[in-house]
Amino acid sequence: MMPQLLTVRVTRPHGRSVRIWVPVIPIVLLLAPLLILAAAAAAVACLMCRVRVGLAFGNGWRLFCALPGTRIDIREGPTTVLVSIR
C-alpha cells in the first residue's frame, strides 16, 4: 500500500509545536511532469551503469510502498522534528 499522509511535527524550545499534514497523492499528481523526467533520467543512469531498468524501478516501487509506518525523530538541542509516514 502506498503512503497516503505525511505528518511533520516541529517542537520549538518554548514548548510551542507546529504540526503539518501533507497528503501524498495530490503532491505526486502535481509533480507528475517532473517525476516523468526523473524516471527518464533514472532509466538512462541504469543503462549507463548496466543495471536492469525494470528491476531497478520495481525495487524502487517496493521501497516506496514499504514507507507507511516509518517514523523519523530528529533532536538537535531544544528543537525536535518528528516525521511520520502513514
N, C-alpha and C. Protein backbone atom coordinates (compact mmCIF):
# COMPACT_ATOMS: atom_id res chain seq x y z
N MET A 1 0.84 -1.17 0.00
CA MET A 1 0.00 0.00 0.00
C MET A 1 0.89 1.24 0.00
N MET A 2 0.61 2.16 -0.88
CA MET A 2 1.45 3.35 -0.96
C MET A 2 1.09 4.34 0.14
N PRO A 3 2.04 5.17 0.55
CA PRO A 3 1.78 6.14 1.62
C PRO A 3 0.66 7.11 1.24
N GLN A 4 -0.13 7.49 2.21
CA GLN A 4 -1.25 8.40 1.98
C GLN A 4 -1.03 9.77 2.63
N LEU A 5 -0.35 9.80 3.78
CA LEU A 5 -0.24 11.03 4.54
C LEU A 5 1.14 11.13 5.18
N LEU A 6 1.70 12.31 5.11
CA LEU A 6 2.98 12.61 5.74
C LEU A 6 2.71 13.65 6.81
N THR A 7 3.07 13.35 8.06
CA THR A 7 2.86 14.27 9.16
C THR A 7 4.20 14.75 9.67
N VAL A 8 4.36 16.07 9.76
CA VAL A 8 5.60 16.66 10.27
C VAL A 8 5.24 17.49 11.50
N ARG A 9 5.92 17.22 12.62
CA ARG A 9 5.70 18.00 13.84
C ARG A 9 7.03 18.56 14.30
N VAL A 10 7.07 19.87 14.46
CA VAL A 10 8.28 20.55 14.93
C VAL A 10 7.97 21.15 16.28
N THR A 11 8.73 20.75 17.29
CA THR A 11 8.59 21.30 18.64
C THR A 11 9.72 22.27 18.88
N ARG A 12 9.37 23.49 19.22
CA ARG A 12 10.35 24.54 19.42
C ARG A 12 10.77 24.62 20.88
N PRO A 13 11.80 25.39 21.19
CA PRO A 13 12.35 25.43 22.54
C PRO A 13 11.36 25.76 23.65
N HIS A 14 10.41 26.63 23.40
CA HIS A 14 9.49 27.04 24.47
C HIS A 14 8.23 26.19 24.52
N GLY A 15 8.29 24.98 23.98
CA GLY A 15 7.17 24.06 24.03
C GLY A 15 6.11 24.28 22.96
N ARG A 16 6.25 25.31 22.16
CA ARG A 16 5.30 25.53 21.08
C ARG A 16 5.61 24.56 19.95
N SER A 17 4.57 23.92 19.44
CA SER A 17 4.81 22.98 18.35
C SER A 17 3.96 23.33 17.15
N VAL A 18 4.48 23.00 15.99
CA VAL A 18 3.80 23.21 14.72
C VAL A 18 3.61 21.84 14.08
N ARG A 19 2.40 21.54 13.66
CA ARG A 19 2.12 20.25 13.03
C ARG A 19 1.60 20.52 11.62
N ILE A 20 2.16 19.81 10.65
CA ILE A 20 1.78 19.97 9.24
C ILE A 20 1.41 18.60 8.69
N TRP A 21 0.24 18.52 8.05
CA TRP A 21 -0.19 17.29 7.40
C TRP A 21 -0.06 17.49 5.89
N VAL A 22 0.61 16.58 5.22
CA VAL A 22 0.83 16.68 3.78
C VAL A 22 0.26 15.43 3.12
N PRO A 23 -0.83 15.56 2.32
CA PRO A 23 -1.34 14.40 1.58
C PRO A 23 -0.40 14.05 0.43
N VAL A 24 -0.06 12.80 0.30
CA VAL A 24 0.95 12.36 -0.67
C VAL A 24 0.41 12.34 -2.10
N ILE A 25 -0.78 11.83 -2.30
CA ILE A 25 -1.30 11.64 -3.66
C ILE A 25 -1.45 12.96 -4.43
N PRO A 26 -2.04 14.03 -3.85
CA PRO A 26 -2.10 15.28 -4.60
C PRO A 26 -0.72 15.85 -4.94
N ILE A 27 0.23 15.69 -4.05
CA ILE A 27 1.59 16.17 -4.31
C ILE A 27 2.20 15.39 -5.47
N VAL A 28 2.00 14.07 -5.49
CA VAL A 28 2.52 13.25 -6.59
C VAL A 28 1.87 13.66 -7.91
N LEU A 29 0.56 13.93 -7.89
CA LEU A 29 -0.12 14.35 -9.12
C LEU A 29 0.39 15.71 -9.61
N LEU A 30 0.66 16.63 -8.70
CA LEU A 30 1.18 17.93 -9.10
C LEU A 30 2.60 17.84 -9.65
N LEU A 31 3.39 16.91 -9.10
CA LEU A 31 4.77 16.77 -9.53
C LEU A 31 4.96 15.72 -10.62
N ALA A 32 3.87 15.21 -11.19
CA ALA A 32 3.95 14.15 -12.20
C ALA A 32 4.84 14.50 -13.39
N PRO A 33 4.77 15.71 -13.94
CA PRO A 33 5.68 16.01 -15.07
C PRO A 33 7.16 15.91 -14.67
N LEU A 34 7.49 16.36 -13.47
CA LEU A 34 8.87 16.25 -13.01
C LEU A 34 9.25 14.79 -12.73
N LEU A 35 8.27 14.01 -12.26
CA LEU A 35 8.54 12.59 -12.00
C LEU A 35 8.83 11.84 -13.29
N ILE A 36 8.17 12.23 -14.38
CA ILE A 36 8.42 11.59 -15.67
C ILE A 36 9.85 11.88 -16.13
N LEU A 37 10.28 13.13 -15.98
CA LEU A 37 11.66 13.48 -16.33
C LEU A 37 12.67 12.76 -15.44
N ALA A 38 12.35 12.66 -14.15
CA ALA A 38 13.25 11.96 -13.22
C ALA A 38 13.32 10.47 -13.56
N ALA A 39 12.20 9.88 -13.96
CA ALA A 39 12.19 8.46 -14.33
C ALA A 39 13.02 8.24 -15.59
N ALA A 40 12.93 9.16 -16.55
CA ALA A 40 13.73 9.04 -17.77
C ALA A 40 15.22 9.16 -17.45
N ALA A 41 15.57 10.10 -16.57
CA ALA A 41 16.98 10.26 -16.16
C ALA A 41 17.47 9.03 -15.41
N ALA A 42 16.61 8.45 -14.57
CA ALA A 42 16.99 7.24 -13.84
C ALA A 42 17.18 6.06 -14.79
N ALA A 43 16.34 5.97 -15.82
CA ALA A 43 16.48 4.89 -16.80
C ALA A 43 17.79 5.02 -17.56
N VAL A 44 18.16 6.24 -17.94
CA VAL A 44 19.43 6.46 -18.63
C VAL A 44 20.60 6.10 -17.71
N ALA A 45 20.50 6.49 -16.45
CA ALA A 45 21.56 6.16 -15.49
C ALA A 45 21.69 4.65 -15.31
N CYS A 46 20.54 3.95 -15.26
CA CYS A 46 20.58 2.49 -15.13
C CYS A 46 21.26 1.86 -16.35
N LEU A 47 20.94 2.36 -17.54
CA LEU A 47 21.56 1.81 -18.75
C LEU A 47 23.06 2.08 -18.77
N MET A 48 23.47 3.25 -18.31
CA MET A 48 24.90 3.58 -18.29
C MET A 48 25.66 2.72 -17.29
N CYS A 49 25.01 2.36 -16.19
CA CYS A 49 25.65 1.55 -15.15
C CYS A 49 25.40 0.05 -15.32
N ARG A 50 24.74 -0.31 -16.43
CA ARG A 50 24.44 -1.71 -16.74
C ARG A 50 23.59 -2.39 -15.67
N VAL A 51 22.58 -1.66 -15.20
CA VAL A 51 21.60 -2.20 -14.24
C VAL A 51 20.30 -2.38 -15.00
N ARG A 52 19.60 -3.47 -14.76
CA ARG A 52 18.33 -3.71 -15.45
C ARG A 52 17.30 -2.68 -15.00
N VAL A 53 16.75 -1.97 -15.96
CA VAL A 53 15.83 -0.86 -15.67
C VAL A 53 14.57 -1.35 -14.96
N GLY A 54 13.98 -2.42 -15.46
CA GLY A 54 12.75 -2.96 -14.85
C GLY A 54 12.97 -3.38 -13.41
N LEU A 55 14.10 -4.02 -13.15
CA LEU A 55 14.40 -4.45 -11.79
C LEU A 55 14.62 -3.24 -10.87
N ALA A 56 15.31 -2.22 -11.36
CA ALA A 56 15.56 -1.02 -10.55
C ALA A 56 14.25 -0.30 -10.22
N PHE A 57 13.38 -0.12 -11.22
CA PHE A 57 12.11 0.55 -10.96
C PHE A 57 11.20 -0.30 -10.06
N GLY A 58 11.22 -1.61 -10.23
CA GLY A 58 10.43 -2.48 -9.37
C GLY A 58 10.87 -2.40 -7.92
N ASN A 59 12.18 -2.40 -7.70
CA ASN A 59 12.68 -2.29 -6.33
C ASN A 59 12.40 -0.91 -5.74
N GLY A 60 12.47 0.14 -6.56
CA GLY A 60 12.12 1.48 -6.09
C GLY A 60 10.66 1.57 -5.68
N TRP A 61 9.78 0.95 -6.46
CA TRP A 61 8.36 0.95 -6.12
C TRP A 61 8.11 0.17 -4.83
N ARG A 62 8.79 -0.95 -4.65
CA ARG A 62 8.64 -1.73 -3.41
C ARG A 62 9.09 -0.92 -2.21
N LEU A 63 10.18 -0.19 -2.36
CA LEU A 63 10.68 0.66 -1.27
C LEU A 63 9.66 1.76 -0.95
N PHE A 64 9.10 2.39 -1.97
CA PHE A 64 8.09 3.44 -1.77
C PHE A 64 6.86 2.89 -1.06
N CYS A 65 6.42 1.70 -1.43
CA CYS A 65 5.24 1.09 -0.82
C CYS A 65 5.51 0.59 0.60
N ALA A 66 6.77 0.42 0.97
CA ALA A 66 7.11 -0.04 2.32
C ALA A 66 7.24 1.12 3.31
N LEU A 67 7.10 2.35 2.86
CA LEU A 67 7.27 3.51 3.72
C LEU A 67 6.20 3.69 4.80
N PRO A 68 4.91 3.32 4.60
CA PRO A 68 3.94 3.55 5.68
C PRO A 68 4.38 2.88 6.98
N GLY A 69 4.25 3.63 8.06
CA GLY A 69 4.66 3.15 9.37
C GLY A 69 6.04 3.65 9.76
N THR A 70 6.72 4.35 8.87
CA THR A 70 8.05 4.86 9.15
C THR A 70 7.95 6.12 10.00
N ARG A 71 8.78 6.19 11.04
CA ARG A 71 8.87 7.38 11.90
C ARG A 71 10.32 7.83 11.96
N ILE A 72 10.52 9.11 11.79
CA ILE A 72 11.87 9.68 11.84
C ILE A 72 11.87 10.75 12.92
N ASP A 73 12.70 10.60 13.95
CA ASP A 73 12.85 11.57 15.02
C ASP A 73 14.20 12.24 14.90
N ILE A 74 14.21 13.56 14.91
CA ILE A 74 15.45 14.32 14.87
C ILE A 74 15.44 15.27 16.04
N ARG A 75 16.45 15.18 16.89
CA ARG A 75 16.57 16.07 18.04
C ARG A 75 17.90 16.80 17.96
N GLU A 76 17.83 18.10 17.92
CA GLU A 76 19.03 18.93 17.90
C GLU A 76 18.83 20.04 18.92
N GLY A 77 19.49 19.87 20.05
CA GLY A 77 19.32 20.85 21.13
C GLY A 77 17.87 20.83 21.62
N PRO A 78 17.25 22.00 21.76
CA PRO A 78 15.88 22.05 22.26
C PRO A 78 14.82 21.85 21.19
N THR A 79 15.21 21.71 19.93
CA THR A 79 14.24 21.56 18.84
C THR A 79 14.12 20.09 18.44
N THR A 80 12.88 19.65 18.27
CA THR A 80 12.59 18.27 17.89
C THR A 80 11.74 18.27 16.62
N VAL A 81 12.10 17.40 15.68
CA VAL A 81 11.31 17.23 14.45
C VAL A 81 10.91 15.76 14.36
N LEU A 82 9.62 15.51 14.20
CA LEU A 82 9.11 14.15 14.06
C LEU A 82 8.41 14.06 12.70
N VAL A 83 8.84 13.11 11.88
CA VAL A 83 8.20 12.87 10.58
C VAL A 83 7.59 11.47 10.63
N SER A 84 6.30 11.39 10.36
CA SER A 84 5.58 10.12 10.40
C SER A 84 4.91 9.91 9.05
N ILE A 85 5.08 8.73 8.48
CA ILE A 85 4.50 8.40 7.18
C ILE A 85 3.43 7.35 7.40
N ARG A 86 2.22 7.64 6.92
CA ARG A 86 1.11 6.69 7.06
C ARG A 86 0.59 6.29 5.71
